[in-house]
Amino acid sequence: MPVQLEIQDEIVASMKIPLPEVKKELTKELAFALYGRWALSMGKARQMAGLTKREFLNQLASRGIRRHYTREDLSEDLAYARGE
């Protein structure tokens, strides 16, 4: 189910973002905010932002957002590296 967000014209007009790029930029900002709050996985946030993994990781770093990497992720990566 798609969700639509309504932003008043006055607010959109005051943004320092070219009008044709507003929707894309706001969607990307929302994706980073949700990822930063642990509300979206990296894969879903990347999909929402329309970025490659490398682009997403670079922008996480430039925004000071820590990558989600749990002990469970580490265990899975180590098991994979050992061929398990």
PDB file of N, CA and C in Angstrom:
ATOM      1  N   MET A   1       0.838  -1.171   0.000  1.00  0.00           N
ATOM      2  CA  MET A   1       0.000   0.000   0.000  1.00  0.00           C
ATOM      3  C   MET A   1       0.888   1.242   0.000  1.00  0.00           C
ATOM      4  N   PRO A   2       0.874   2.018  -1.051  1.00  0.00           N
ATOM      5  CA  PRO A   2       1.669   3.248  -1.098  1.00  0.00           C
ATOM      6  C   PRO A   2       1.150   4.268  -0.083  1.00  0.00           C
ATOM      7  N   VAL A   3       2.063   5.032   0.475  1.00  0.00           N
ATOM      8  CA  VAL A   3       1.707   6.090   1.421  1.00  0.00           C
ATOM      9  C   VAL A   3       2.093   7.417   0.796  1.00  0.00           C
ATOM     10  N   GLN A   4       1.199   8.362   0.863  1.00  0.00           N
ATOM     11  CA  GLN A   4       1.481   9.687   0.336  1.00  0.00           C
ATOM     12  C   GLN A   4       1.624  10.656   1.490  1.00  0.00           C
ATOM     13  N   LEU A   5       2.600  11.520   1.387  1.00  0.00           N
ATOM     14  CA  LEU A   5       2.862  12.529   2.395  1.00  0.00           C
ATOM     15  C   LEU A   5       2.554  13.883   1.773  1.00  0.00           C
ATOM     16  N   GLU A   6       1.772  14.672   2.458  1.00  0.00           N
ATOM     17  CA  GLU A   6       1.401  15.981   1.933  1.00  0.00           C
ATOM     18  C   GLU A   6       2.214  17.060   2.636  1.00  0.00           C
ATOM     19  N   ILE A   7       2.884  17.884   1.842  1.00  0.00           N
ATOM     20  CA  ILE A   7       3.671  18.989   2.367  1.00  0.00           C
ATOM     21  C   ILE A   7       3.129  20.263   1.721  1.00  0.00           C
ATOM     22  N   GLN A   8       2.842  21.238   2.527  1.00  0.00           N
ATOM     23  CA  GLN A   8       2.248  22.478   2.034  1.00  0.00           C
ATOM     24  C   GLN A   8       3.145  23.127   0.983  1.00  0.00           C
ATOM     25  N   ASP A   9       2.510  23.730  -0.030  1.00  0.00           N
ATOM     26  CA  ASP A   9       3.238  24.399  -1.114  1.00  0.00           C
ATOM     27  C   ASP A   9       4.211  25.448  -0.573  1.00  0.00           C
ATOM     28  N   GLU A  10       3.796  26.160   0.447  1.00  0.00           N
ATOM     29  CA  GLU A  10       4.630  27.203   1.043  1.00  0.00           C
ATOM     30  C   GLU A  10       5.935  26.626   1.575  1.00  0.00           C
ATOM     31  N   ILE A  11       5.862  25.461   2.173  1.00  0.00           N
ATOM     32  CA  ILE A  11       7.066  24.814   2.715  1.00  0.00           C
ATOM     33  C   ILE A  11       7.945  24.307   1.585  1.00  0.00           C
ATOM     34  N   VAL A  12       7.336  23.681   0.587  1.00  0.00           N
ATOM     35  CA  VAL A  12       8.104  23.178  -0.563  1.00  0.00           C
ATOM     36  C   VAL A  12       8.811  24.344  -1.258  1.00  0.00           C
ATOM     37  N   ALA A  13       8.112  25.450  -1.420  1.00  0.00           N
ATOM     38  CA  ALA A  13       8.696  26.617  -2.092  1.00  0.00           C
ATOM     39  C   ALA A  13       9.871  27.196  -1.302  1.00  0.00           C
ATOM     40  N   SER A  14       9.866  27.029   0.011  1.00  0.00           N
ATOM     41  CA  SER A  14      10.947  27.597   0.825  1.00  0.00           C
ATOM     42  C   SER A  14      12.172  26.685   0.906  1.00  0.00           C
ATOM     43  N   MET A  15      12.063  25.476   0.382  1.00  0.00           N
ATOM     44  CA  MET A  15      13.199  24.552   0.399  1.00  0.00           C
ATOM     45  C   MET A  15      14.271  25.005  -0.572  1.00  0.00           C
ATOM     46  N   LYS A  16      15.491  24.807  -0.178  1.00  0.00           N
ATOM     47  CA  LYS A  16      16.619  25.163  -1.042  1.00  0.00           C
ATOM     48  C   LYS A  16      17.015  23.954  -1.894  1.00  0.00           C
ATOM     49  N   ILE A  17      15.993  23.388  -2.517  1.00  0.00           N
ATOM     50  CA  ILE A  17      16.146  22.226  -3.398  1.00  0.00           C
ATOM     51  C   ILE A  17      15.395  22.567  -4.682  1.00  0.00           C
ATOM     52  N   PRO A  18      16.014  22.368  -5.856  1.00  0.00           N
ATOM     53  CA  PRO A  18      15.290  22.632  -7.104  1.00  0.00           C
ATOM     54  C   PRO A  18      13.983  21.828  -7.141  1.00  0.00           C
ATOM     55  N   LEU A  19      12.916  22.464  -7.545  1.00  0.00           N
ATOM     56  CA  LEU A  19      11.583  21.861  -7.527  1.00  0.00           C
ATOM     57  C   LEU A  19      11.532  20.471  -8.162  1.00  0.00           C
ATOM     58  N   PRO A  20      12.181  20.242  -9.318  1.00  0.00           N
ATOM     59  CA  PRO A  20      12.116  18.896  -9.906  1.00  0.00           C
ATOM     60  C   PRO A  20      12.772  17.812  -9.041  1.00  0.00           C
ATOM     61  N   GLU A  21      13.626  18.203  -8.093  1.00  0.00           N
ATOM     62  CA  GLU A  21      14.345  17.230  -7.267  1.00  0.00           C
ATOM     63  C   GLU A  21      13.744  17.039  -5.879  1.00  0.00           C
ATOM     64  N   VAL A  22      12.712  17.801  -5.539  1.00  0.00           N
ATOM     65  CA  VAL A  22      12.160  17.779  -4.183  1.00  0.00           C
ATOM     66  C   VAL A  22      11.704  16.387  -3.767  1.00  0.00           C
ATOM     67  N   LYS A  23      10.895  15.728  -4.573  1.00  0.00           N
ATOM     68  CA  LYS A  23      10.361  14.419  -4.189  1.00  0.00           C
ATOM     69  C   LYS A  23      11.494  13.415  -3.969  1.00  0.00           C
ATOM     70  N   LYS A  24      12.439  13.370  -4.891  1.00  0.00           N
ATOM     71  CA  LYS A  24      13.560  12.433  -4.794  1.00  0.00           C
ATOM     72  C   LYS A  24      14.388  12.707  -3.538  1.00  0.00           C
ATOM     73  N   GLU A  25      14.700  13.974  -3.284  1.00  0.00           N
ATOM     74  CA  GLU A  25      15.523  14.332  -2.139  1.00  0.00           C
ATOM     75  C   GLU A  25      14.814  14.065  -0.813  1.00  0.00           C
ATOM     76  N   LEU A  26      13.524  14.366  -0.739  1.00  0.00           N
ATOM     77  CA  LEU A  26      12.780  14.110   0.494  1.00  0.00           C
ATOM     78  C   LEU A  26      12.658  12.612   0.759  1.00  0.00           C
ATOM     79  N   THR A  27      12.461  11.840  -0.282  1.00  0.00           N
ATOM     80  CA  THR A  27      12.378  10.386  -0.134  1.00  0.00           C
ATOM     81  C   THR A  27      13.704   9.838   0.371  1.00  0.00           C
ATOM     82  N   LYS A  28      14.803  10.350  -0.188  1.00  0.00           N
ATOM     83  CA  LYS A  28      16.134   9.916   0.240  1.00  0.00           C
ATOM     84  C   LYS A  28      16.380  10.307   1.705  1.00  0.00           C
ATOM     85  N   GLU A  29      16.014  11.524   2.077  1.00  0.00           N
ATOM     86  CA  GLU A  29      16.199  11.973   3.458  1.00  0.00           C
ATOM     87  C   GLU A  29      15.392  11.119   4.431  1.00  0.00           C
ATOM     88  N   LEU A  30      14.176  10.773   4.035  1.00  0.00           N
ATOM     89  CA  LEU A  30      13.332   9.934   4.877  1.00  0.00           C
ATOM     90  C   LEU A  30      13.946   8.543   5.020  1.00  0.00           C
ATOM     91  N   ALA A  31      14.491   8.010   3.946  1.00  0.00           N
ATOM     92  CA  ALA A  31      15.127   6.688   3.999  1.00  0.00           C
ATOM     93  C   ALA A  31      16.293   6.691   4.981  1.00  0.00           C
ATOM     94  N   PHE A  32      17.131   7.735   4.951  1.00  0.00           N
ATOM     95  CA  PHE A  32      18.254   7.810   5.884  1.00  0.00           C
ATOM     96  C   PHE A  32      17.776   7.989   7.317  1.00  0.00           C
ATOM     97  N   ALA A  33      16.754   8.797   7.510  1.00  0.00           N
ATOM     98  CA  ALA A  33      16.224   9.009   8.865  1.00  0.00           C
ATOM     99  C   ALA A  33      15.656   7.711   9.438  1.00  0.00           C
ATOM    100  N   LEU A  34      14.923   6.970   8.639  1.00  0.00           N
ATOM    101  CA  LEU A  34      14.337   5.712   9.108  1.00  0.00           C
ATOM    102  C   LEU A  34      15.417   4.665   9.379  1.00  0.00           C
ATOM    103  N   TYR A  35      16.423   4.617   8.529  1.00  0.00           N
ATOM    104  CA  TYR A  35      17.537   3.693   8.766  1.00  0.00           C
ATOM    105  C   TYR A  35      18.248   4.065  10.061  1.00  0.00           C
ATOM    106  N   GLY A  36      18.507   5.341  10.259  1.00  0.00           N
ATOM    107  CA  GLY A  36      19.192   5.806  11.457  1.00  0.00           C
ATOM    108  C   GLY A  36      18.442   5.491  12.742  1.00  0.00           C
ATOM    109  N   ARG A  37      17.126   5.366  12.654  1.00  0.00           N
ATOM    110  CA  ARG A  37      16.298   5.021  13.819  1.00  0.00           C
ATOM    111  C   ARG A  37      16.067   3.520  13.939  1.00  0.00           C
ATOM    112  N   TRP A  38      16.717   2.725  13.097  1.00  0.00           N
ATOM    113  CA  TRP A  38      16.554   1.263  13.055  1.00  0.00           C
ATOM    114  C   TRP A  38      15.132   0.876  12.642  1.00  0.00           C
ATOM    115  N   ALA A  39      14.449   1.758  11.926  1.00  0.00           N
ATOM    116  CA  ALA A  39      13.091   1.470  11.477  1.00  0.00           C
ATOM    117  C   ALA A  39      13.075   0.798  10.106  1.00  0.00           C
ATOM    118  N   LEU A  40      14.190   0.855   9.380  1.00  0.00           N
ATOM    119  CA  LEU A  40      14.317   0.204   8.071  1.00  0.00           C
ATOM    120  C   LEU A  40      15.666  -0.497   7.998  1.00  0.00           C
ATOM    121  N   SER A  41      15.681  -1.636   7.333  1.00  0.00           N
ATOM    122  CA  SER A  41      16.946  -2.325   7.075  1.00  0.00           C
ATOM    123  C   SER A  41      17.729  -1.538   6.024  1.00  0.00           C
ATOM    124  N   MET A  42      18.998  -1.859   5.900  1.00  0.00           N
ATOM    125  CA  MET A  42      19.799  -1.181   4.883  1.00  0.00           C
ATOM    126  C   MET A  42      19.255  -1.447   3.486  1.00  0.00           C
ATOM    127  N   GLY A  43      18.894  -2.685   3.219  1.00  0.00           N
ATOM    128  CA  GLY A  43      18.379  -3.026   1.887  1.00  0.00           C
ATOM    129  C   GLY A  43      17.138  -2.235   1.526  1.00  0.00           C
ATOM    130  N   LYS A  44      16.211  -2.135   2.458  1.00  0.00           N
ATOM    131  CA  LYS A  44      14.970  -1.401   2.193  1.00  0.00           C
ATOM    132  C   LYS A  44      15.223   0.102   2.133  1.00  0.00           C
ATOM    133  N   ALA A  45      16.111   0.605   2.978  1.00  0.00           N
ATOM    134  CA  ALA A  45      16.435   2.033   2.946  1.00  0.00           C
ATOM    135  C   ALA A  45      17.133   2.395   1.634  1.00  0.00           C
ATOM    136  N   ARG A  46      18.044   1.521   1.185  1.00  0.00           N
ATOM    137  CA  ARG A  46      18.719   1.746  -0.103  1.00  0.00           C
ATOM    138  C   ARG A  46      17.719   1.750  -1.235  1.00  0.00           C
ATOM    139  N   GLN A  47      16.786   0.790  -1.186  1.00  0.00           N
ATOM    140  CA  GLN A  47      15.753   0.702  -2.216  1.00  0.00           C
ATOM    141  C   GLN A  47      14.911   1.978  -2.226  1.00  0.00           C
ATOM    142  N   MET A  48      14.513   2.426  -1.049  1.00  0.00           N
ATOM    143  CA  MET A  48      13.700   3.637  -0.940  1.00  0.00           C
ATOM    144  C   MET A  48      14.467   4.857  -1.452  1.00  0.00           C
ATOM    145  N   ALA A  49      15.757   4.934  -1.116  1.00  0.00           N
ATOM    146  CA  ALA A  49      16.574   6.077  -1.516  1.00  0.00           C
ATOM    147  C   ALA A  49      16.990   6.020  -2.984  1.00  0.00           C
ATOM    148  N   GLY A  50      16.881   4.838  -3.594  1.00  0.00           N
ATOM    149  CA  GLY A  50      17.277   4.687  -4.992  1.00  0.00           C
ATOM    150  C   GLY A  50      18.784   4.763  -5.182  1.00  0.00           C
ATOM    151  N   LEU A  51      19.533   4.207  -4.214  1.00  0.00           N
ATOM    152  CA  LEU A  51      20.990   4.268  -4.263  1.00  0.00           C
ATOM    153  C   LEU A  51      21.594   2.874  -4.316  1.00  0.00           C
ATOM    154  N   THR A  52      22.796   2.797  -4.869  1.00  0.00           N
ATOM    155  CA  THR A  52      23.541   1.535  -4.820  1.00  0.00           C
ATOM    156  C   THR A  52      24.050   1.337  -3.392  1.00  0.00           C
ATOM    157  N   LYS A  53      24.520   0.143  -3.096  1.00  0.00           N
ATOM    158  CA  LYS A  53      25.055  -0.126  -1.759  1.00  0.00           C
ATOM    159  C   LYS A  53      26.221   0.802  -1.457  1.00  0.00           C
ATOM    160  N   ARG A  54      27.129   0.954  -2.397  1.00  0.00           N
ATOM    161  CA  ARG A  54      28.300   1.829  -2.217  1.00  0.00           C
ATOM    162  C   ARG A  54      27.857   3.273  -1.970  1.00  0.00           C
ATOM    163  N   GLU A  55      26.928   3.780  -2.771  1.00  0.00           N
ATOM    164  CA  GLU A  55      26.432   5.155  -2.589  1.00  0.00           C
ATOM    165  C   GLU A  55      25.795   5.327  -1.205  1.00  0.00           C
ATOM    166  N   PHE A  56      24.999   4.329  -0.826  1.00  0.00           N
ATOM    167  CA  PHE A  56      24.318   4.397   0.464  1.00  0.00           C
ATOM    168  C   PHE A  56      25.334   4.421   1.607  1.00  0.00           C
ATOM    169  N   LEU A  57      26.318   3.523   1.559  1.00  0.00           N
ATOM    170  CA  LEU A  57      27.341   3.471   2.599  1.00  0.00           C
ATOM    171  C   LEU A  57      28.140   4.776   2.670  1.00  0.00           C
ATOM    172  N   ASN A  58      28.477   5.333   1.512  1.00  0.00           N
ATOM    173  CA  ASN A  58      29.207   6.603   1.486  1.00  0.00           C
ATOM    174  C   ASN A  58      28.393   7.716   2.127  1.00  0.00           C
ATOM    175  N   GLN A  59      27.096   7.753   1.823  1.00  0.00           N
ATOM    176  CA  GLN A  59      26.260   8.808   2.395  1.00  0.00           C
ATOM    177  C   GLN A  59      25.995   8.583   3.878  1.00  0.00           C
ATOM    178  N   LEU A  60      25.935   7.324   4.312  1.00  0.00           N
ATOM    179  CA  LEU A  60      25.830   7.063   5.751  1.00  0.00           C
ATOM    180  C   LEU A  60      27.026   7.694   6.462  1.00  0.00           C
ATOM    181  N   ALA A  61      28.209   7.432   5.929  1.00  0.00           N
ATOM    182  CA  ALA A  61      29.439   7.953   6.538  1.00  0.00           C
ATOM    183  C   ALA A  61      29.444   9.481   6.542  1.00  0.00           C
ATOM    184  N   SER A  62      29.079  10.088   5.425  1.00  0.00           N
ATOM    185  CA  SER A  62      29.119  11.547   5.351  1.00  0.00           C
ATOM    186  C   SER A  62      28.077  12.202   6.257  1.00  0.00           C
ATOM    187  N   ARG A  63      27.021  11.465   6.596  1.00  0.00           N
ATOM    188  CA  ARG A  63      25.976  11.983   7.480  1.00  0.00           C
ATOM    189  C   ARG A  63      26.231  11.623   8.939  1.00  0.00           C
ATOM    190  N   GLY A  64      27.256  10.818   9.182  1.00  0.00           N
ATOM    191  CA  GLY A  64      27.564  10.413  10.546  1.00  0.00           C
ATOM    192  C   GLY A  64      26.581   9.395  11.111  1.00  0.00           C
ATOM    193  N   ILE A  65      25.941   8.640  10.225  1.00  0.00           N
ATOM    194  CA  ILE A  65      24.997   7.601  10.650  1.00  0.00           C
ATOM    195  C   ILE A  65      25.767   6.287  10.705  1.00  0.00           C
ATOM    196  N   ARG A  66      25.731   5.648  11.854  1.00  0.00           N
ATOM    197  CA  ARG A  66      26.454   4.380  12.020  1.00  0.00           C
ATOM    198  C   ARG A  66      25.718   3.258  11.304  1.00  0.00           C
ATOM    199  N   ARG A  67      26.511   2.413  10.674  1.00  0.00           N
ATOM    200  CA  ARG A  67      25.962   1.240   9.994  1.00  0.00           C
ATOM    201  C   ARG A  67      25.465   0.247  11.033  1.00  0.00           C
ATOM    202  N   HIS A  68      24.308  -0.325  10.784  1.00  0.00           N
ATOM    203  CA  HIS A  68      23.768  -1.344  11.685  1.00  0.00           C
ATOM    204  C   HIS A  68      24.544  -2.632  11.459  1.00  0.00           C
ATOM    205  N   TYR A  69      25.164  -3.108  12.478  1.00  0.00           N
ATOM    206  CA  TYR A  69      25.911  -4.359  12.363  1.00  0.00           C
ATOM    207  C   TYR A  69      25.905  -4.990  13.747  1.00  0.00           C
ATOM    208  N   THR A  70      25.088  -6.000  13.905  1.00  0.00           N
ATOM    209  CA  THR A  70      24.900  -6.634  15.209  1.00  0.00           C
ATOM    210  C   THR A  70      25.850  -7.815  15.390  1.00  0.00           C
ATOM    211  N   ARG A  71      25.880  -8.333  16.597  1.00  0.00           N
ATOM    212  CA  ARG A  71      26.670  -9.542  16.859  1.00  0.00           C
ATOM    213  C   ARG A  71      26.171 -10.704  16.004  1.00  0.00           C
ATOM    214  N   GLU A  72      24.870 -10.753  15.796  1.00  0.00           N
ATOM    215  CA  GLU A  72      24.297 -11.809  14.951  1.00  0.00           C
ATOM    216  C   GLU A  72      24.814 -11.685  13.519  1.00  0.00           C
ATOM    217  N   ASP A  73      24.898 -10.455  13.011  1.00  0.00           N
ATOM    218  CA  ASP A  73      25.451 -10.232  11.670  1.00  0.00           C
ATOM    219  C   ASP A  73      26.892 -10.728  11.604  1.00  0.00           C
ATOM    220  N   LEU A  74      27.668 -10.397  12.637  1.00  0.00           N
ATOM    221  CA  LEU A  74      29.065 -10.832  12.681  1.00  0.00           C
ATOM    222  C   LEU A  74      29.156 -12.357  12.693  1.00  0.00           C
ATOM    223  N   SER A  75      28.338 -12.999  13.500  1.00  0.00           N
ATOM    224  CA  SER A  75      28.345 -14.473  13.567  1.00  0.00           C
ATOM    225  C   SER A  75      28.021 -15.087  12.218  1.00  0.00           C
ATOM    226  N   GLU A  76      27.018 -14.523  11.536  1.00  0.00           N
ATOM    227  CA  GLU A  76      26.644 -15.031  10.215  1.00  0.00           C
ATOM    228  C   GLU A  76      27.771 -14.827   9.218  1.00  0.00           C
ATOM    229  N   ASP A  77      28.432 -13.664   9.256  1.00  0.00           N
ATOM    230  CA  ASP A  77      29.536 -13.393   8.337  1.00  0.00           C
ATOM    231  C   ASP A  77      30.700 -14.337   8.593  1.00  0.00           C
ATOM    232  N   LEU A  78      31.014 -14.567   9.859  1.00  0.00           N
ATOM    233  CA  LEU A  78      32.113 -15.481  10.185  1.00  0.00           C
ATOM    234  C   LEU A  78      31.784 -16.913   9.757  1.00  0.00           C
ATOM    235  N   ALA A  79      30.550 -17.345   9.974  1.00  0.00           N
ATOM    236  CA  ALA A  79      30.140 -18.690   9.555  1.00  0.00           C
ATOM    237  C   ALA A  79      30.244 -18.828   8.039  1.00  0.00           C
ATOM    238  N   TYR A  80      29.818 -17.794   7.336  1.00  0.00           N
ATOM    239  CA  TYR A  80      29.906 -17.809   5.875  1.00  0.00           C
ATOM    240  C   TYR A  80      31.371 -17.888   5.420  1.00  0.00           C
ATOM    241  N   ALA A  81      32.240 -17.107   6.070  1.00  0.00           N
ATOM    242  CA  ALA A  81      33.657 -17.100   5.706  1.00  0.00           C
ATOM    243  C   ALA A  81      34.306 -18.463   5.955  1.00  0.00           C
ATOM    244  N   ARG A  82      33.816 -19.180   6.975  1.00  0.00           N
ATOM    245  CA  ARG A  82      34.349 -20.505   7.276  1.00  0.00           C
ATOM    246  C   ARG A  82      33.725 -21.578   6.386  1.00  0.00           C
ATOM    247  N   GLY A  83      32.764 -21.192   5.550  1.00  0.00           N
ATOM    248  CA  GLY A  83      32.114 -22.150   4.655  1.00  0.00           C
ATOM    249  C   GLY A  83      31.006 -22.925   5.320  1.00  0.00           C
ATOM    250  N   GLU A  84      30.492 -22.439   6.407  1.00  0.00           N
ATOM    251  CA  GLU A  84      29.425 -23.148   7.129  1.00  0.00           C
ATOM    252  C   GLU A  84      28.053 -22.751   6.631  1.00  0.00           C
TER     253      GLU A  84
END
